[in-house]
């Protein structure tokens, strides 16, 4: 099939998916191929691409099913709880580990503290409507939240806790986003196949006084998440990387 023909088939499949709910079963491949007037192998190739994008998922001997709708994330400073509530999802968390350790040189540089100062290391699994979405590790100087407990973090906004109990309101941060694939532990916790596509978020956030209060590494499922940002044309005369 030509590229144009493949594109038309993809659009028809996407239209079909839009008419259904996540988890709905699709008609059998033989039926879909007949409905769309294409060879079964052509249809299978199109479904393979949609499966790689997370738009459909297959279960052996059961068929193909509509995938979960992706959550759209804007590039703003907001907590996971706030973000999920804004998207109409019910956020929850599972604290997987929490301990105190020395910062060390690398982390101390990011948090602008001494390498011998102690930091909280908090590992949490973040869920939306009980579906695992993000696995994150947060580092916080212990002096900022000296009496923090596991119970404080259970199903509560970390940013809200920082503001209300400790007077630290997150106002800015620097974040990088990279494509990655899940390792064995991440795959188990996020309930995805090994080496599934994911986003790696690394950020350091500051409070209203400009002091770093957290450094975060978070792995988020690529099949359920997408990033949206607003683009504007740069001003003439500024140092910019030219388009190729």
C-alpha atoms as a PDB file:
ATOM      1  CA  UNK A   1       0.000   0.000   0.000  1.00  0.00           C
ATOM      2  CA  UNK A   2       1.226   3.517  -0.798  1.00  0.00           C
ATOM      3  CA  UNK A   3       2.148   6.016   1.918  1.00  0.00           C
ATOM      4  CA  UNK A   4      -1.025   7.968   1.147  1.00  0.00           C
ATOM      5  CA  UNK A   5      -3.078   4.792   1.425  1.00  0.00           C
ATOM      6  CA  UNK A   6      -1.443   3.890   4.736  1.00  0.00           C
ATOM      7  CA  UNK A   7      -2.188   7.369   6.038  1.00  0.00           C
ATOM      8  CA  UNK A   8      -5.842   7.068   5.050  1.00  0.00           C
ATOM      9  CA  UNK A   9      -6.108   3.691   6.794  1.00  0.00           C
ATOM     10  CA  UNK A  10      -4.529   5.137   9.922  1.00  0.00           C
ATOM     11  CA  UNK A  11      -7.028   8.011   9.959  1.00  0.00           C
ATOM     12  CA  UNK A  12      -9.946   5.610   9.612  1.00  0.00           C
ATOM     13  CA  UNK A  13      -8.618   3.497  12.473  1.00  0.00           C
ATOM     14  CA  UNK A  14      -8.159   6.588  14.640  1.00  0.00           C
ATOM     15  CA  UNK A  15     -11.736   7.643  13.867  1.00  0.00           C
ATOM     16  CA  UNK A  16     -12.879   4.207  15.008  1.00  0.00           C
ATOM     17  CA  UNK A  17     -10.888   4.483  18.239  1.00  0.00           C
ATOM     18  CA  UNK A  18     -12.374   7.919  18.946  1.00  0.00           C
ATOM     19  CA  UNK A  19     -15.853   6.395  18.838  1.00  0.00           C
ATOM     20  CA  UNK A  20     -15.008   3.893  21.563  1.00  0.00           C
ATOM     21  CA  UNK A  21     -13.975   3.954  25.206  1.00  0.00           C
ATOM     22  CA  UNK A  22     -10.639   2.759  26.644  1.00  0.00           C
ATOM     23  CA  UNK A  23     -10.760  -0.995  27.106  1.00  0.00           C
ATOM     24  CA  UNK A  24     -13.395  -1.585  24.406  1.00  0.00           C
ATOM     25  CA  UNK A  25     -12.673  -4.546  22.183  1.00  0.00           C
ATOM     26  CA  UNK A  26     -12.118  -3.888  18.483  1.00  0.00           C
ATOM     27  CA  UNK A  27     -13.632  -6.074  15.758  1.00  0.00           C
ATOM     28  CA  UNK A  28     -11.493  -8.998  14.633  1.00  0.00           C
ATOM     29  CA  UNK A  29      -8.702  -8.249  12.146  1.00  0.00           C
ATOM     30  CA  UNK A  30     -10.500 -10.172   9.403  1.00  0.00           C
ATOM     31  CA  UNK A  31     -13.631  -8.072   9.895  1.00  0.00           C
ATOM     32  CA  UNK A  32     -11.722  -4.775  10.039  1.00  0.00           C
ATOM     33  CA  UNK A  33      -9.781  -5.626   6.893  1.00  0.00           C
ATOM     34  CA  UNK A  34     -13.031  -6.368   5.065  1.00  0.00           C
ATOM     35  CA  UNK A  35     -14.701  -3.195   6.387  1.00  0.00           C
ATOM     36  CA  UNK A  36     -11.792  -1.006   5.255  1.00  0.00           C
ATOM     37  CA  UNK A  37     -11.177  -2.863   1.989  1.00  0.00           C
ATOM     38  CA  UNK A  38      -7.512  -3.650   2.690  1.00  0.00           C
ATOM     39  CA  UNK A  39      -5.393  -6.766   2.982  1.00  0.00           C
ATOM     40  CA  UNK A  40      -5.234  -8.313   6.424  1.00  0.00           C
ATOM     41  CA  UNK A  41      -1.443  -7.887   6.557  1.00  0.00           C
ATOM     42  CA  UNK A  42      -1.824  -4.185   5.748  1.00  0.00           C
ATOM     43  CA  UNK A  43      -4.308  -3.804   8.576  1.00  0.00           C
ATOM     44  CA  UNK A  44      -2.049  -5.716  10.958  1.00  0.00           C
ATOM     45  CA  UNK A  45       0.873  -3.411  10.167  1.00  0.00           C
ATOM     46  CA  UNK A  46      -1.298  -0.367  10.888  1.00  0.00           C
ATOM     47  CA  UNK A  47      -2.413  -1.871  14.204  1.00  0.00           C
ATOM     48  CA  UNK A  48       1.225  -2.637  15.055  1.00  0.00           C
ATOM     49  CA  UNK A  49       2.067   1.059  14.755  1.00  0.00           C
ATOM     50  CA  UNK A  50      -0.934   2.089  16.842  1.00  0.00           C
ATOM     51  CA  UNK A  51       0.021  -0.460  19.482  1.00  0.00           C
ATOM     52  CA  UNK A  52       3.566   0.960  19.620  1.00  0.00           C
ATOM     53  CA  UNK A  53       2.004   4.383  20.280  1.00  0.00           C
ATOM     54  CA  UNK A  54      -0.177   3.000  23.070  1.00  0.00           C
ATOM     55  CA  UNK A  55      -3.418   3.693  21.211  1.00  0.00           C
ATOM     56  CA  UNK A  56      -4.369   0.017  21.150  1.00  0.00           C
ATOM     57  CA  UNK A  57      -3.205  -3.017  23.071  1.00  0.00           C
ATOM     58  CA  UNK A  58      -3.485  -6.674  22.191  1.00  0.00           C
ATOM     59  CA  UNK A  59      -4.131  -9.699  24.355  1.00  0.00           C
ATOM     60  CA  UNK A  60      -3.184 -13.065  22.831  1.00  0.00           C
ATOM     61  CA  UNK A  61      -6.214 -15.137  21.779  1.00  0.00           C
ATOM     62  CA  UNK A  62      -8.543 -12.297  22.823  1.00  0.00           C
ATOM     63  CA  UNK A  63      -7.932  -9.562  20.279  1.00  0.00           C
ATOM     64  CA  UNK A  64      -7.155  -5.850  20.145  1.00  0.00           C
ATOM     65  CA  UNK A  65      -8.535  -3.299  22.593  1.00  0.00           C
ATOM     66  CA  UNK A  66      -8.702   0.488  22.729  1.00  0.00           C
ATOM     67  CA  UNK A  67      -5.806   1.933  24.728  1.00  0.00           C
ATOM     68  CA  UNK A  68      -6.061   4.467  27.525  1.00  0.00           C
ATOM     69  CA  UNK A  69      -6.413   8.116  26.530  1.00  0.00           C
ATOM     70  CA  UNK A  70      -3.175  10.044  26.996  1.00  0.00           C
ATOM     71  CA  UNK A  71      -2.989  12.735  29.662  1.00  0.00           C
ATOM     72  CA  UNK A  72      -1.770  16.083  28.349  1.00  0.00           C
ATOM     73  CA  UNK A  73       0.810  17.909  30.462  1.00  0.00           C
ATOM     74  CA  UNK A  74       1.730  21.552  30.022  1.00  0.00           C
ATOM     75  CA  UNK A  75       5.193  22.839  30.888  1.00  0.00           C
ATOM     76  CA  UNK A  76       4.245  24.616  34.105  1.00  0.00           C
ATOM     77  CA  UNK A  77       5.196  24.345  37.768  1.00  0.00           C
ATOM     78  CA  UNK A  78       2.453  22.291  39.391  1.00  0.00           C
ATOM     79  CA  UNK A  79       2.172  19.313  41.689  1.00  0.00           C
ATOM     80  CA  UNK A  80       1.120  15.885  40.458  1.00  0.00           C
ATOM     81  CA  UNK A  81      -2.024  16.146  42.592  1.00  0.00           C
ATOM     82  CA  UNK A  82      -3.026  19.508  41.119  1.00  0.00           C
ATOM     83  CA  UNK A  83      -2.268  18.329  37.596  1.00  0.00           C
ATOM     84  CA  UNK A  84      -4.367  15.164  37.855  1.00  0.00           C
ATOM     85  CA  UNK A  85      -7.305  16.949  39.484  1.00  0.00           C
ATOM     86  CA  UNK A  86      -7.261  19.512  36.670  1.00  0.00           C
ATOM     87  CA  UNK A  87      -7.478  16.631  34.180  1.00  0.00           C
ATOM     88  CA  UNK A  88     -10.444  15.106  35.996  1.00  0.00           C
ATOM     89  CA  UNK A  89      -8.425  12.202  37.408  1.00  0.00           C
ATOM     90  CA  UNK A  90      -8.228  10.923  40.970  1.00  0.00           C
ATOM     91  CA  UNK A  91      -4.591  11.150  42.115  1.00  0.00           C
ATOM     92  CA  UNK A  92      -3.079   8.804  44.667  1.00  0.00           C
ATOM     93  CA  UNK A  93       0.394   7.811  45.837  1.00  0.00           C
ATOM     94  CA  UNK A  94       2.235   4.865  47.308  1.00  0.00           C
ATOM     95  CA  UNK A  95       5.384   5.648  49.261  1.00  0.00           C
ATOM     96  CA  UNK A  96       7.870   2.934  48.325  1.00  0.00           C
ATOM     97  CA  UNK A  97      10.782   4.134  50.422  1.00  0.00           C
ATOM     98  CA  UNK A  98      11.872   7.025  52.617  1.00  0.00           C
ATOM     99  CA  UNK A  99      15.218   7.551  54.310  1.00  0.00           C
ATOM    100  CA  UNK A 100      17.808  10.160  55.240  1.00  0.00           C
ATOM    101  CA  UNK A 101      21.273  10.224  53.676  1.00  0.00           C
ATOM    102  CA  UNK A 102      24.179  12.567  53.059  1.00  0.00           C
ATOM    103  CA  UNK A 103      23.741  14.761  50.007  1.00  0.00           C
ATOM    104  CA  UNK A 104      27.106  14.098  48.372  1.00  0.00           C
ATOM    105  CA  UNK A 105      28.796  16.415  45.896  1.00  0.00           C
ATOM    106  CA  UNK A 106      26.417  16.136  42.922  1.00  0.00           C
ATOM    107  CA  UNK A 107      23.164  16.554  44.837  1.00  0.00           C
ATOM    108  CA  UNK A 108      24.664  19.232  47.073  1.00  0.00           C
ATOM    109  CA  UNK A 109      25.470  21.316  44.004  1.00  0.00           C
ATOM    110  CA  UNK A 110      21.894  21.072  42.727  1.00  0.00           C
ATOM    111  CA  UNK A 111      20.350  21.935  46.105  1.00  0.00           C
ATOM    112  CA  UNK A 112      23.051  24.485  47.010  1.00  0.00           C
ATOM    113  CA  UNK A 113      23.871  22.825  50.321  1.00  0.00           C
ATOM    114  CA  UNK A 114      26.968  21.218  51.783  1.00  0.00           C
ATOM    115  CA  UNK A 115      27.827  17.637  50.722  1.00  0.00           C
ATOM    116  CA  UNK A 116      27.743  16.556  54.385  1.00  0.00           C
ATOM    117  CA  UNK A 117      24.238  17.905  54.921  1.00  0.00           C
ATOM    118  CA  UNK A 118      21.426  15.373  55.152  1.00  0.00           C
ATOM    119  CA  UNK A 119      18.591  15.030  52.682  1.00  0.00           C
ATOM    120  CA  UNK A 120      15.379  13.073  52.557  1.00  0.00           C
ATOM    121  CA  UNK A 121      15.251  10.505  49.755  1.00  0.00           C
ATOM    122  CA  UNK A 122      11.614   9.698  48.984  1.00  0.00           C
ATOM    123  CA  UNK A 123      10.483   7.156  46.383  1.00  0.00           C
ATOM    124  CA  UNK A 124       6.825   7.236  45.372  1.00  0.00           C
ATOM    125  CA  UNK A 125       4.582   5.605  42.807  1.00  0.00           C
ATOM    126  CA  UNK A 126       2.027   8.102  41.512  1.00  0.00           C
ATOM    127  CA  UNK A 127      -1.305   6.851  40.188  1.00  0.00           C
ATOM    128  CA  UNK A 128      -4.206   8.375  38.267  1.00  0.00           C
ATOM    129  CA  UNK A 129      -7.548   6.621  38.779  1.00  0.00           C
ATOM    130  CA  UNK A 130      -5.550   3.747  40.334  1.00  0.00           C
ATOM    131  CA  UNK A 131      -3.456   3.322  37.163  1.00  0.00           C
ATOM    132  CA  UNK A 132       0.336   3.585  37.746  1.00  0.00           C
ATOM    133  CA  UNK A 133       1.631   6.604  35.850  1.00  0.00           C
ATOM    134  CA  UNK A 134       4.872   7.929  37.347  1.00  0.00           C
ATOM    135  CA  UNK A 135       7.707   6.565  39.449  1.00  0.00           C
ATOM    136  CA  UNK A 136       9.571   9.381  41.158  1.00  0.00           C
ATOM    137  CA  UNK A 137      12.466   9.919  43.538  1.00  0.00           C
ATOM    138  CA  UNK A 138      12.505  13.224  45.425  1.00  0.00           C
ATOM    139  CA  UNK A 139      15.452  14.675  47.355  1.00  0.00           C
ATOM    140  CA  UNK A 140      14.715  17.374  49.952  1.00  0.00           C
ATOM    141  CA  UNK A 141      17.125  18.996  52.453  1.00  0.00           C
ATOM    142  CA  UNK A 142      16.195  17.622  55.863  1.00  0.00           C
ATOM    143  CA  UNK A 143      16.412  21.098  57.385  1.00  0.00           C
ATOM    144  CA  UNK A 144      13.428  22.159  55.264  1.00  0.00           C
ATOM    145  CA  UNK A 145      11.135  19.376  56.524  1.00  0.00           C
ATOM    146  CA  UNK A 146      12.754  17.931  59.665  1.00  0.00           C
ATOM    147  CA  UNK A 147       9.638  16.157  60.995  1.00  0.00           C
ATOM    148  CA  UNK A 148       8.405  14.668  57.710  1.00  0.00           C
ATOM    149  CA  UNK A 149       6.774  11.218  57.933  1.00  0.00           C
ATOM    150  CA  UNK A 150       5.521   8.627  55.451  1.00  0.00           C
ATOM    151  CA  UNK A 151       1.961   9.353  56.539  1.00  0.00           C
ATOM    152  CA  UNK A 152       2.384  13.004  55.525  1.00  0.00           C
ATOM    153  CA  UNK A 153       2.994  11.929  51.944  1.00  0.00           C
ATOM    154  CA  UNK A 154       0.142   9.476  51.608  1.00  0.00           C
ATOM    155  CA  UNK A 155      -2.375  10.811  49.076  1.00  0.00           C
ATOM    156  CA  UNK A 156      -1.462  14.426  49.812  1.00  0.00           C
ATOM    157  CA  UNK A 157      -0.007  17.149  47.631  1.00  0.00           C
ATOM    158  CA  UNK A 158       3.675  17.531  48.472  1.00  0.00           C
ATOM    159  CA  UNK A 159       3.666  21.146  47.273  1.00  0.00           C
ATOM    160  CA  UNK A 160       0.644  21.936  49.440  1.00  0.00           C
ATOM    161  CA  UNK A 161       2.344  20.366  52.454  1.00  0.00           C
ATOM    162  CA  UNK A 162       5.491  22.388  51.799  1.00  0.00           C
ATOM    163  CA  UNK A 163       3.492  25.609  51.659  1.00  0.00           C
ATOM    164  CA  UNK A 164       1.113  25.051  54.566  1.00  0.00           C
ATOM    165  CA  UNK A 165       3.400  23.398  57.124  1.00  0.00           C
ATOM    166  CA  UNK A 166       6.855  24.636  56.196  1.00  0.00           C
ATOM    167  CA  UNK A 167       6.121  27.976  54.531  1.00  0.00           C
ATOM    168  CA  UNK A 168       7.913  26.955  51.330  1.00  0.00           C
ATOM    169  CA  UNK A 169       5.912  27.828  48.235  1.00  0.00           C
ATOM    170  CA  UNK A 170       7.272  26.410  44.979  1.00  0.00           C
ATOM    171  CA  UNK A 171       7.488  29.254  42.472  1.00  0.00           C
ATOM    172  CA  UNK A 172      10.025  28.238  39.820  1.00  0.00           C
ATOM    173  CA  UNK A 173      12.263  25.477  38.601  1.00  0.00           C
ATOM    174  CA  UNK A 174      14.468  24.086  35.861  1.00  0.00           C
ATOM    175  CA  UNK A 175      13.446  20.836  34.196  1.00  0.00           C
ATOM    176  CA  UNK A 176      14.826  18.576  31.494  1.00  0.00           C
ATOM    177  CA  UNK A 177      12.756  15.970  29.647  1.00  0.00           C
ATOM    178  CA  UNK A 178      14.277  13.043  27.799  1.00  0.00           C
ATOM    179  CA  UNK A 179      12.943   9.927  26.092  1.00  0.00           C
ATOM    180  CA  UNK A 180      13.863   6.715  27.857  1.00  0.00           C
ATOM    181  CA  UNK A 181      12.774   3.101  28.261  1.00  0.00           C
ATOM    182  CA  UNK A 182      11.760   1.371  31.466  1.00  0.00           C
ATOM    183  CA  UNK A 183      14.140  -0.964  33.256  1.00  0.00           C
ATOM    184  CA  UNK A 184      13.006  -4.125  35.034  1.00  0.00           C
ATOM    185  CA  UNK A 185      12.000  -2.473  38.325  1.00  0.00           C
ATOM    186  CA  UNK A 186      10.234   0.427  36.613  1.00  0.00           C
ATOM    187  CA  UNK A 187       8.366  -1.948  34.311  1.00  0.00           C
ATOM    188  CA  UNK A 188       7.043  -3.969  37.235  1.00  0.00           C
ATOM    189  CA  UNK A 189       5.949  -0.940  39.255  1.00  0.00           C
ATOM    190  CA  UNK A 190       4.431   0.904  36.285  1.00  0.00           C
ATOM    191  CA  UNK A 191       2.778  -2.288  34.994  1.00  0.00           C
ATOM    192  CA  UNK A 192       4.250  -2.080  31.491  1.00  0.00           C
ATOM    193  CA  UNK A 193       6.384  -4.437  29.387  1.00  0.00           C
ATOM    194  CA  UNK A 194      10.148  -4.286  29.848  1.00  0.00           C
ATOM    195  CA  UNK A 195      11.814  -1.447  27.901  1.00  0.00           C
ATOM    196  CA  UNK A 196       8.558   0.401  27.297  1.00  0.00           C
ATOM    197  CA  UNK A 197       8.760   3.973  26.017  1.00  0.00           C
ATOM    198  CA  UNK A 198       8.739   6.563  28.798  1.00  0.00           C
ATOM    199  CA  UNK A 199       9.631  10.142  29.671  1.00  0.00           C
ATOM    200  CA  UNK A 200      12.424  10.966  32.114  1.00  0.00           C
ATOM    201  CA  UNK A 201      11.799  14.232  33.981  1.00  0.00           C
ATOM    202  CA  UNK A 202      14.667  15.733  35.991  1.00  0.00           C
ATOM    203  CA  UNK A 203      13.979  19.011  37.779  1.00  0.00           C
ATOM    204  CA  UNK A 204      15.113  21.243  40.598  1.00  0.00           C
ATOM    205  CA  UNK A 205      12.517  23.599  42.082  1.00  0.00           C
ATOM    206  CA  UNK A 206      12.926  26.730  44.189  1.00  0.00           C
ATOM    207  CA  UNK A 207      10.717  28.467  46.730  1.00  0.00           C
ATOM    208  CA  UNK A 208       9.628  32.101  46.928  1.00  0.00           C
ATOM    209  CA  UNK A 209      13.038  33.129  48.287  1.00  0.00           C
ATOM    210  CA  UNK A 210      14.931  31.441  45.448  1.00  0.00           C
ATOM    211  CA  UNK A 211      16.200  28.580  47.609  1.00  0.00           C
ATOM    212  CA  UNK A 212      16.198  25.080  46.065  1.00  0.00           C
ATOM    213  CA  UNK A 213      13.804  22.854  47.996  1.00  0.00           C
ATOM    214  CA  UNK A 214      13.696  19.669  45.931  1.00  0.00           C
ATOM    215  CA  UNK A 215      15.481  17.717  43.225  1.00  0.00           C
ATOM    216  CA  UNK A 216      13.353  15.156  41.398  1.00  0.00           C
ATOM    217  CA  UNK A 217      13.873  12.290  38.957  1.00  0.00           C
ATOM    218  CA  UNK A 218      10.619  10.893  37.577  1.00  0.00           C
ATOM    219  CA  UNK A 219       9.909   8.203  34.997  1.00  0.00           C
ATOM    220  CA  UNK A 220       6.473   8.553  33.398  1.00  0.00           C
ATOM    221  CA  UNK A 221       4.708   6.103  31.099  1.00  0.00           C
ATOM    222  CA  UNK A 222       4.913   7.147  27.466  1.00  0.00           C
ATOM    223  CA  UNK A 223       1.749   5.283  26.497  1.00  0.00           C
ATOM    224  CA  UNK A 224      -0.419   7.372  28.834  1.00  0.00           C
ATOM    225  CA  UNK A 225       1.257  10.764  28.754  1.00  0.00           C
ATOM    226  CA  UNK A 226       2.054  13.511  26.298  1.00  0.00           C
ATOM    227  CA  UNK A 227       3.566  16.977  26.630  1.00  0.00           C
ATOM    228  CA  UNK A 228       2.093  20.146  25.213  1.00  0.00           C
ATOM    229  CA  UNK A 229       3.839  23.511  25.058  1.00  0.00           C
ATOM    230  CA  UNK A 230       3.086  26.860  23.498  1.00  0.00           C
ATOM    231  CA  UNK A 231       5.617  28.116  20.958  1.00  0.00           C
ATOM    232  CA  UNK A 232       6.386  31.712  20.036  1.00  0.00           C
ATOM    233  CA  UNK A 233       8.730  33.105  17.420  1.00  0.00           C
ATOM    234  CA  UNK A 234      11.988  34.332  18.938  1.00  0.00           C
ATOM    235  CA  UNK A 235      12.851  38.022  18.827  1.00  0.00           C
ATOM    236  CA  UNK A 236      15.365  39.151  16.183  1.00  0.00           C
ATOM    237  CA  UNK A 237      18.843  39.720  17.523  1.00  0.00           C
ATOM    238  CA  UNK A 238      18.653  37.091  20.272  1.00  0.00           C
ATOM    239  CA  UNK A 239      21.102  34.204  20.302  1.00  0.00           C
ATOM    240  CA  UNK A 240      19.118  31.287  18.902  1.00  0.00           C
ATOM    241  CA  UNK A 241      19.828  27.927  17.363  1.00  0.00           C
ATOM    242  CA  UNK A 242      18.800  28.189  13.686  1.00  0.00           C
ATOM    243  CA  UNK A 243      16.467  25.730  12.073  1.00  0.00           C
ATOM    244  CA  UNK A 244      18.244  23.286   9.801  1.00  0.00           C
END
